[in-house]
Amino acid sequence: MKNVSIGKIILYLIIAFVVVSIWKDPQGSADAAGIFLSSVGRFFHTLGSKTSTFVKNI
């Protein structure tokens, strides 16, 4: 196991976890991904809105 970094091992474990969770419960995984992506989108929308308001008021 030469030249295998901890980062690669963690990445492979995350990928394996995602694949297994999708395999076991595809609908639940899709719902969770949708909620997560929606939250990320709302965060960036709010960040952009507040940043533009800040810059406009300078």
N, C-alpha and C. Protein backbone atom coordinates (compact mmCIF):
# COMPACT_ATOMS: atom_id res chain seq x y z
N MET A 1 0.83 -1.18 0.00
CA MET A 1 0.00 0.00 0.00
C MET A 1 0.88 1.25 0.00
N LYS A 2 1.75 1.35 -0.97
CA LYS A 2 2.61 2.51 -1.08
C LYS A 2 1.84 3.65 -1.74
N ASN A 3 2.18 4.84 -1.34
CA ASN A 3 1.67 6.06 -1.97
C ASN A 3 0.15 6.18 -1.94
N VAL A 4 -0.50 5.57 -0.98
CA VAL A 4 -1.95 5.72 -0.84
C VAL A 4 -2.18 6.71 0.30
N SER A 5 -2.72 7.85 -0.04
CA SER A 5 -2.92 8.87 0.98
C SER A 5 -4.23 8.64 1.71
N ILE A 6 -4.32 9.24 2.87
CA ILE A 6 -5.53 9.15 3.69
C ILE A 6 -6.70 9.79 2.93
N GLY A 7 -6.43 10.84 2.18
CA GLY A 7 -7.48 11.51 1.41
C GLY A 7 -8.13 10.59 0.39
N LYS A 8 -7.32 9.78 -0.29
CA LYS A 8 -7.86 8.84 -1.27
C LYS A 8 -8.72 7.78 -0.59
N ILE A 9 -8.26 7.30 0.55
CA ILE A 9 -9.02 6.29 1.28
C ILE A 9 -10.36 6.86 1.72
N ILE A 10 -10.35 8.08 2.24
CA ILE A 10 -11.60 8.72 2.68
C ILE A 10 -12.52 8.93 1.49
N LEU A 11 -11.97 9.36 0.36
CA LEU A 11 -12.79 9.56 -0.84
C LEU A 11 -13.44 8.26 -1.28
N TYR A 12 -12.69 7.16 -1.28
CA TYR A 12 -13.24 5.86 -1.67
C TYR A 12 -14.32 5.41 -0.69
N LEU A 13 -14.13 5.67 0.59
CA LEU A 13 -15.15 5.30 1.57
C LEU A 13 -16.43 6.11 1.38
N ILE A 14 -16.29 7.39 1.06
CA ILE A 14 -17.47 8.23 0.81
C ILE A 14 -18.21 7.74 -0.42
N ILE A 15 -17.48 7.43 -1.48
CA ILE A 15 -18.11 6.92 -2.70
C ILE A 15 -18.82 5.60 -2.42
N ALA A 16 -18.19 4.72 -1.66
CA ALA A 16 -18.82 3.44 -1.33
C ALA A 16 -20.09 3.66 -0.51
N PHE A 17 -20.04 4.59 0.44
CA PHE A 17 -21.22 4.89 1.25
C PHE A 17 -22.36 5.40 0.39
N VAL A 18 -22.07 6.30 -0.53
CA VAL A 18 -23.11 6.85 -1.41
C VAL A 18 -23.71 5.76 -2.28
N VAL A 19 -22.87 4.91 -2.85
CA VAL A 19 -23.37 3.83 -3.71
C VAL A 19 -24.25 2.87 -2.93
N VAL A 20 -23.82 2.49 -1.73
CA VAL A 20 -24.61 1.56 -0.91
C VAL A 20 -25.92 2.20 -0.48
N SER A 21 -25.88 3.48 -0.10
CA SER A 21 -27.13 4.12 0.33
C SER A 21 -28.11 4.28 -0.83
N ILE A 22 -27.61 4.56 -2.02
CA ILE A 22 -28.49 4.64 -3.19
C ILE A 22 -29.05 3.26 -3.52
N TRP A 23 -28.22 2.23 -3.39
CA TRP A 23 -28.66 0.87 -3.69
C TRP A 23 -29.76 0.43 -2.73
N LYS A 24 -29.61 0.75 -1.44
CA LYS A 24 -30.56 0.30 -0.43
C LYS A 24 -31.87 1.09 -0.45
N ASP A 25 -31.79 2.41 -0.68
CA ASP A 25 -32.98 3.26 -0.63
C ASP A 25 -32.87 4.39 -1.66
N PRO A 26 -33.18 4.09 -2.92
CA PRO A 26 -33.01 5.12 -3.95
C PRO A 26 -33.90 6.34 -3.75
N GLN A 27 -35.14 6.13 -3.32
CA GLN A 27 -36.05 7.26 -3.13
C GLN A 27 -35.58 8.15 -1.97
N GLY A 28 -35.19 7.53 -0.88
CA GLY A 28 -34.71 8.30 0.26
C GLY A 28 -33.44 9.06 -0.07
N SER A 29 -32.54 8.43 -0.84
CA SER A 29 -31.30 9.10 -1.24
C SER A 29 -31.60 10.28 -2.16
N ALA A 30 -32.55 10.11 -3.06
CA ALA A 30 -32.92 11.20 -3.95
C ALA A 30 -33.55 12.35 -3.18
N ASP A 31 -34.39 12.03 -2.21
CA ASP A 31 -35.00 13.08 -1.38
C ASP A 31 -33.94 13.83 -0.59
N ALA A 32 -33.00 13.10 -0.01
CA ALA A 32 -31.94 13.73 0.78
C ALA A 32 -31.06 14.62 -0.10
N ALA A 33 -30.73 14.13 -1.29
CA ALA A 33 -29.91 14.92 -2.21
C ALA A 33 -30.65 16.18 -2.66
N GLY A 34 -31.95 16.05 -2.90
CA GLY A 34 -32.75 17.21 -3.30
C GLY A 34 -32.81 18.26 -2.20
N ILE A 35 -32.99 17.82 -0.99
CA ILE A 35 -33.03 18.76 0.14
C ILE A 35 -31.67 19.44 0.31
N PHE A 36 -30.60 18.66 0.21
CA PHE A 36 -29.26 19.22 0.36
C PHE A 36 -28.97 20.24 -0.73
N LEU A 37 -29.24 19.89 -1.99
CA LEU A 37 -28.97 20.81 -3.09
C LEU A 37 -29.84 22.05 -3.01
N SER A 38 -31.06 21.90 -2.55
CA SER A 38 -31.94 23.05 -2.37
C SER A 38 -31.38 23.99 -1.31
N SER A 39 -30.88 23.43 -0.23
CA SER A 39 -30.29 24.24 0.84
C SER A 39 -29.05 24.98 0.36
N VAL A 40 -28.22 24.29 -0.41
CA VAL A 40 -27.02 24.92 -0.94
C VAL A 40 -27.40 26.06 -1.89
N GLY A 41 -28.39 25.83 -2.73
CA GLY A 41 -28.85 26.87 -3.65
C GLY A 41 -29.41 28.08 -2.91
N ARG A 42 -30.21 27.83 -1.87
CA ARG A 42 -30.74 28.94 -1.08
C ARG A 42 -29.61 29.73 -0.41
N PHE A 43 -28.59 29.01 0.09
CA PHE A 43 -27.46 29.68 0.73
C PHE A 43 -26.78 30.63 -0.24
N PHE A 44 -26.46 30.14 -1.46
CA PHE A 44 -25.77 30.98 -2.42
C PHE A 44 -26.65 32.12 -2.92
N HIS A 45 -27.94 31.89 -3.03
CA HIS A 45 -28.85 32.96 -3.41
C HIS A 45 -28.87 34.05 -2.34
N THR A 46 -28.96 33.66 -1.09
CA THR A 46 -28.96 34.62 0.01
C THR A 46 -27.62 35.34 0.08
N LEU A 47 -26.52 34.61 -0.08
CA LEU A 47 -25.20 35.22 -0.06
C LEU A 47 -25.06 36.26 -1.16
N GLY A 48 -25.49 35.93 -2.36
CA GLY A 48 -25.42 36.88 -3.46
C GLY A 48 -26.30 38.10 -3.23
N SER A 49 -27.49 37.88 -2.72
CA SER A 49 -28.41 38.98 -2.45
C SER A 49 -27.85 39.93 -1.39
N LYS A 50 -27.35 39.37 -0.31
CA LYS A 50 -26.81 40.21 0.76
C LYS A 50 -25.52 40.90 0.33
N THR A 51 -24.71 40.23 -0.46
CA THR A 51 -23.48 40.85 -0.95
C THR A 51 -23.79 42.01 -1.88
N SER A 52 -24.76 41.83 -2.78
CA SER A 52 -25.11 42.91 -3.68
C SER A 52 -25.73 44.09 -2.93
N THR A 53 -26.52 43.81 -1.91
CA THR A 53 -27.08 44.88 -1.09
C THR A 53 -25.99 45.63 -0.36
N PHE A 54 -25.00 44.91 0.16
CA PHE A 54 -23.88 45.53 0.86
C PHE A 54 -23.09 46.43 -0.08
N VAL A 55 -22.76 45.91 -1.27
CA VAL A 55 -21.98 46.68 -2.23
C VAL A 55 -22.75 47.90 -2.70
N LYS A 56 -24.05 47.76 -2.90
CA LYS A 56 -24.88 48.87 -3.35
C LYS A 56 -24.91 49.98 -2.30
N ASN A 57 -24.89 49.63 -1.02
CA ASN A 57 -24.98 50.62 0.05
C ASN A 57 -23.64 51.23 0.44
N ILE A 58 -22.56 50.77 -0.18
CA ILE A 58 -21.25 51.36 0.15
C ILE A 58 -21.13 52.72 -0.49
